Protein backbone atom coordinates (compact mmCIF):
# COMPACT_ATOMS: atom_id res chain seq x y z
CA MET A 1 -7.77 -3.29 13.31
CA THR A 2 -6.63 -3.09 16.92
CA SER A 3 -10.07 -4.09 18.19
CA LEU A 4 -10.28 -6.99 15.84
CA THR A 5 -6.76 -8.13 16.94
CA VAL A 6 -7.43 -7.80 20.62
CA ALA A 7 -10.78 -9.68 20.35
CA THR A 8 -9.15 -12.60 18.40
CA ALA A 9 -6.24 -12.90 20.79
CA THR A 10 -8.59 -12.63 23.85
CA ALA A 11 -10.72 -15.45 22.41
CA ALA A 12 -7.65 -17.65 21.79
CA GLU A 13 -6.45 -16.94 25.32
CA GLU A 14 -9.84 -17.98 26.92
CA TYR A 15 -9.86 -21.12 24.71
CA ALA A 16 -6.30 -21.97 25.63
CA ALA A 17 -7.16 -21.82 29.34
CA THR A 18 -9.62 -24.70 28.73
CA GLN A 19 -7.01 -26.98 27.04
CA PRO A 20 -4.59 -29.38 28.68
CA GLY A 21 -1.71 -27.48 30.22
CA GLY A 22 -3.51 -24.18 29.56
CA ARG A 23 -2.14 -23.66 26.16
CA LEU A 24 -3.24 -24.16 22.50
CA ALA A 25 -2.39 -27.55 21.11
CA VAL A 26 -1.70 -25.90 17.79
CA PRO A 27 -0.01 -22.54 18.43
CA MET A 28 -1.60 -19.43 16.95
CA ILE A 29 0.60 -17.07 15.08
CA CYS A 30 -0.40 -13.43 15.47
CA VAL A 31 1.63 -11.35 13.12
CA LEU A 32 1.51 -7.53 13.75
CA ASP A 33 3.20 -5.98 10.78
CA GLU A 34 3.61 -2.11 11.01
CA ALA A 35 2.22 -2.44 14.60
CA ALA A 36 2.94 1.20 15.55
CA ASN A 37 0.79 2.38 12.58
CA VAL A 38 -1.84 -0.15 12.21
CA CYS A 39 -2.33 -1.94 15.51
CA ARG A 40 -1.51 0.42 18.41
CA TRP A 41 -2.23 -2.28 21.16
CA GLU A 42 -1.61 -0.43 24.43
CA ASN A 43 -1.34 -3.48 26.69
CA LEU A 44 0.78 -5.59 24.36
CA PRO A 45 4.08 -5.32 26.27
CA ASP A 46 2.31 -6.69 29.41
CA LEU A 47 0.87 -9.64 27.47
CA TYR A 48 3.95 -10.69 25.52
CA SER A 49 5.29 -13.18 27.84
CA HIS A 50 1.91 -14.44 29.09
CA TYR A 51 0.65 -15.08 25.57
CA GLY A 52 3.71 -17.22 24.88
CA SER A 53 2.82 -19.52 27.74
CA ARG A 54 -0.75 -19.84 26.23
CA GLY A 55 0.63 -20.95 22.83
CA ILE A 56 -0.17 -17.60 21.18
CA VAL A 57 3.00 -16.56 19.33
CA VAL A 58 3.03 -12.75 18.63
CA SER A 59 5.40 -11.24 16.17
CA THR A 60 5.62 -7.46 16.26
CA PHE A 61 7.28 -5.52 13.37
CA LEU A 62 8.51 -1.97 13.89
CA GLN A 63 10.47 0.33 11.60
CA SER A 64 12.51 1.80 14.41
CA TRP A 65 12.99 1.81 18.17
CA SER A 66 11.34 5.38 18.43
CA GLN A 67 8.27 4.02 16.80
CA GLY A 68 7.66 1.77 19.73
CA VAL A 69 8.44 4.64 22.14
CA ASP A 70 5.65 6.70 20.45
CA VAL A 71 3.14 3.96 21.25
CA TRP A 72 4.27 2.28 24.42
CA GLY A 73 6.79 4.74 25.99
CA GLU A 74 10.34 3.96 26.74
CA SER A 75 9.42 1.54 29.62
CA GLY A 76 6.94 -0.35 27.60
CA THR A 77 9.24 -0.72 24.48
CA LYS A 78 11.97 -2.03 26.71
CA LYS A 79 9.53 -4.47 28.26
CA LEU A 80 8.52 -5.58 24.71
CA PHE A 81 12.17 -5.98 23.76
CA SER A 82 13.21 -7.93 26.85
CA THR A 83 10.37 -10.38 26.87
CA ALA A 84 10.66 -11.24 23.20
CA ASN A 85 12.24 -14.73 22.62
CA VAL A 86 13.70 -13.73 19.33
CA PHE A 87 14.70 -10.23 18.26
CA THR A 88 15.81 -9.43 14.66
CA TYR A 89 17.44 -6.24 13.41
CA GLY A 90 17.46 -5.86 9.57
CA GLY A 91 19.35 -2.57 9.27
CA ASN A 92 18.46 0.91 7.99
CA VAL A 93 18.11 2.52 11.45
CA LYS A 94 20.25 5.48 12.51
CA GLU A 95 19.29 5.89 16.18
CA GLU A 96 22.48 6.04 18.14
CA GLY A 97 21.04 5.04 21.46
CA PHE A 98 19.43 1.94 20.17
CA LEU A 99 22.34 0.99 18.06
CA LYS A 100 24.70 1.35 20.99
CA MET A 101 22.45 -0.87 23.08
CA LEU A 102 22.39 -3.56 20.32
CA SER A 103 26.21 -3.32 19.82
CA GLU A 104 26.70 -4.06 23.39
CA LEU A 105 24.30 -7.05 23.35
CA VAL A 106 26.12 -8.37 20.27
CA GLY A 107 29.23 -8.27 22.48
CA GLN A 108 32.94 -8.14 21.96
CA TYR A 109 35.78 -10.27 20.64
CA ARG A 110 39.28 -10.76 22.19
CA TYR A 111 42.43 -10.54 20.09
CA THR A 112 46.13 -10.44 20.82
CA SER A 113 48.50 -7.74 19.49
CA VAL A 114 52.12 -8.74 18.91
CA SER A 115 54.87 -6.09 18.82
CA THR A 116 58.62 -6.48 18.26
CA SER A 117 61.32 -4.08 19.09
CA ARG A 118 65.02 -4.11 18.36
CA GLN A 119 67.87 -2.66 20.35
CA LYS A 120 71.37 -3.12 18.88
CA ASP A 121 71.99 -6.88 18.94
CA SER A 122 68.81 -7.89 20.71
CA ARG A 123 65.16 -8.19 19.91
CA SER A 124 62.07 -8.41 22.23
CA THR A 125 58.58 -9.38 21.53
CA SER A 126 55.55 -8.40 23.64
CA ARG A 127 51.94 -9.58 23.48
CA GLN A 128 48.81 -7.61 24.73
CA ASP A 129 45.30 -8.92 24.89
CA SER A 130 42.64 -6.45 23.81
CA THR A 131 38.95 -6.42 23.12
CA ASP A 132 36.78 -4.67 20.54
CA ASP A 133 33.12 -4.59 19.57
CA ILE A 134 32.12 -7.35 17.18
CA LEU A 135 29.80 -4.84 15.40
CA SER A 136 30.12 -1.07 16.18
CA VAL A 137 27.32 1.42 15.94
CA ALA A 138 28.65 2.43 12.51
CA ASP A 139 28.61 -1.19 11.40
CA LEU A 140 25.03 -1.64 12.53
CA ALA A 141 23.89 1.59 10.87
CA ALA A 142 25.44 0.58 7.59
CA MET A 143 24.40 -2.99 7.55
CA PRO A 144 23.84 -4.02 3.95
CA LYS A 145 20.64 -5.31 2.51
CA GLY A 146 20.40 -9.08 2.75
CA ARG A 147 21.94 -9.22 6.33
CA ALA A 148 20.19 -9.24 9.72
CA ILE A 149 21.24 -9.63 13.37
CA MET A 150 19.29 -12.08 15.45
CA LEU A 151 19.23 -12.24 19.28
CA GLY A 152 17.66 -15.42 20.67
CA SER A 153 16.96 -16.41 24.24
CA GLY A 154 19.98 -18.44 25.73
CA SER A 155 22.22 -17.94 22.77
CA ARG A 156 24.74 -15.36 21.46
CA ALA A 157 23.83 -13.03 18.56
CA VAL A 158 24.04 -14.42 15.03
CA LEU A 159 24.49 -12.87 11.69
CA LEU A 160 21.82 -13.90 9.21
CA ARG A 161 21.53 -13.97 5.49
CA THR A 162 17.95 -13.19 4.55
CA VAL A 163 16.28 -15.04 1.63
CA PRO A 164 13.81 -12.93 -0.39
CA ILE A 165 10.59 -14.44 -1.56
CA SER A 166 11.83 -14.46 -5.17
CA ASP A 167 14.34 -17.04 -4.17
CA ARG A 168 11.97 -19.36 -2.30
CA PRO A 169 10.26 -22.45 -3.65
CA TYR A 170 6.78 -20.87 -3.58
CA ALA A 171 7.88 -17.60 -5.42
CA ASP A 172 5.65 -18.41 -8.49
CA LYS A 173 2.56 -18.78 -6.36
CA VAL A 174 3.22 -15.50 -4.48
CA ALA A 175 3.82 -13.67 -7.86
CA ALA A 176 0.50 -15.10 -9.15
CA PHE A 177 -1.34 -14.06 -6.17
CA GLU A 178 0.10 -10.54 -6.22
CA ALA A 179 -0.88 -10.21 -9.98
CA ALA A 180 -4.47 -11.39 -9.30
CA ARG A 181 -4.79 -8.91 -6.39
CA SER A 182 -3.48 -6.09 -8.45
CA ASN A 183 -5.88 -6.85 -11.29
CA PRO A 184 -9.11 -8.19 -9.84
CA PRO A 185 -11.80 -9.32 -12.36
CA ALA A 186 -14.63 -6.86 -12.98
CA PRO A 187 -17.97 -7.67 -11.25
CA VAL A 188 -20.41 -9.57 -13.42
CA LYS A 189 -23.95 -8.16 -13.35
CA VAL A 190 -26.67 -10.69 -13.86
CA GLN A 191 -30.12 -9.28 -14.60
CA GLN A 192 -33.16 -11.16 -13.31
CA PRO A 193 -36.53 -10.96 -15.10
CA PRO A 194 -39.15 -8.54 -13.72
CA VAL A 195 -40.56 -9.60 -10.47
CA ALA A 196 -44.36 -9.00 -10.07
CA ALA A 197 -45.24 -7.40 -6.77
CA ALA A 198 -47.96 -5.37 -5.26
CA GLY A 199 -48.01 -1.80 -6.52
CA GLY A 200 -46.42 -2.66 -9.81
CA ASN A 201 -43.42 -4.27 -11.29
CA ARG A 202 -39.99 -4.22 -9.65
CA TRP A 203 -36.66 -4.94 -11.29
CA SER A 204 -34.04 -6.77 -9.12
CA THR A 205 -30.38 -6.94 -10.06
CA MET A 206 -27.92 -9.49 -8.59
CA VAL A 207 -24.17 -8.49 -8.63
CA LYS A 208 -21.82 -11.51 -8.61
CA GLU A 209 -18.20 -10.72 -7.70
């Protein structure tokens, strides 16, 4: 799978170099789902930014930060993270170091605390400006299903509500495709009449899938 992916992306890169501006007129989407298990592409972190300039959009999906470290090391995983134009976190991770980094990238909010004190016949009010994390490590670790954090180039982090396939306009088509894939039709065997050949008769069978 890795060899096929690399060969396809390399061919797209070579073709893009011959096009106006050195990029594909119609971008190619390269989706690497379960990349750490299925497509362990060693040079991917070094190519991420370059491929974007060629019109090759690479989307890499990992289950956790440590999965990336196992494949590309700490430095390579940070490079992959830093050069991605869009990063999305969908929850269900309990790695404190990664969540702390993400919490700091999401940022803090500022609030004002007001306190009042009384002394005999007088009353005084004081205000104090403070900051706190928008999302703490605990918040990120316990993020509920249906929510995600997205970091995009040139913008602050945003909280997303994910839309499952079952709620999308093409849900029926996806369900029909999944049903057909789970129950493929049995192959149909078509027998041909005997074919005369030297040395005796031979029987040929054609299998139509």
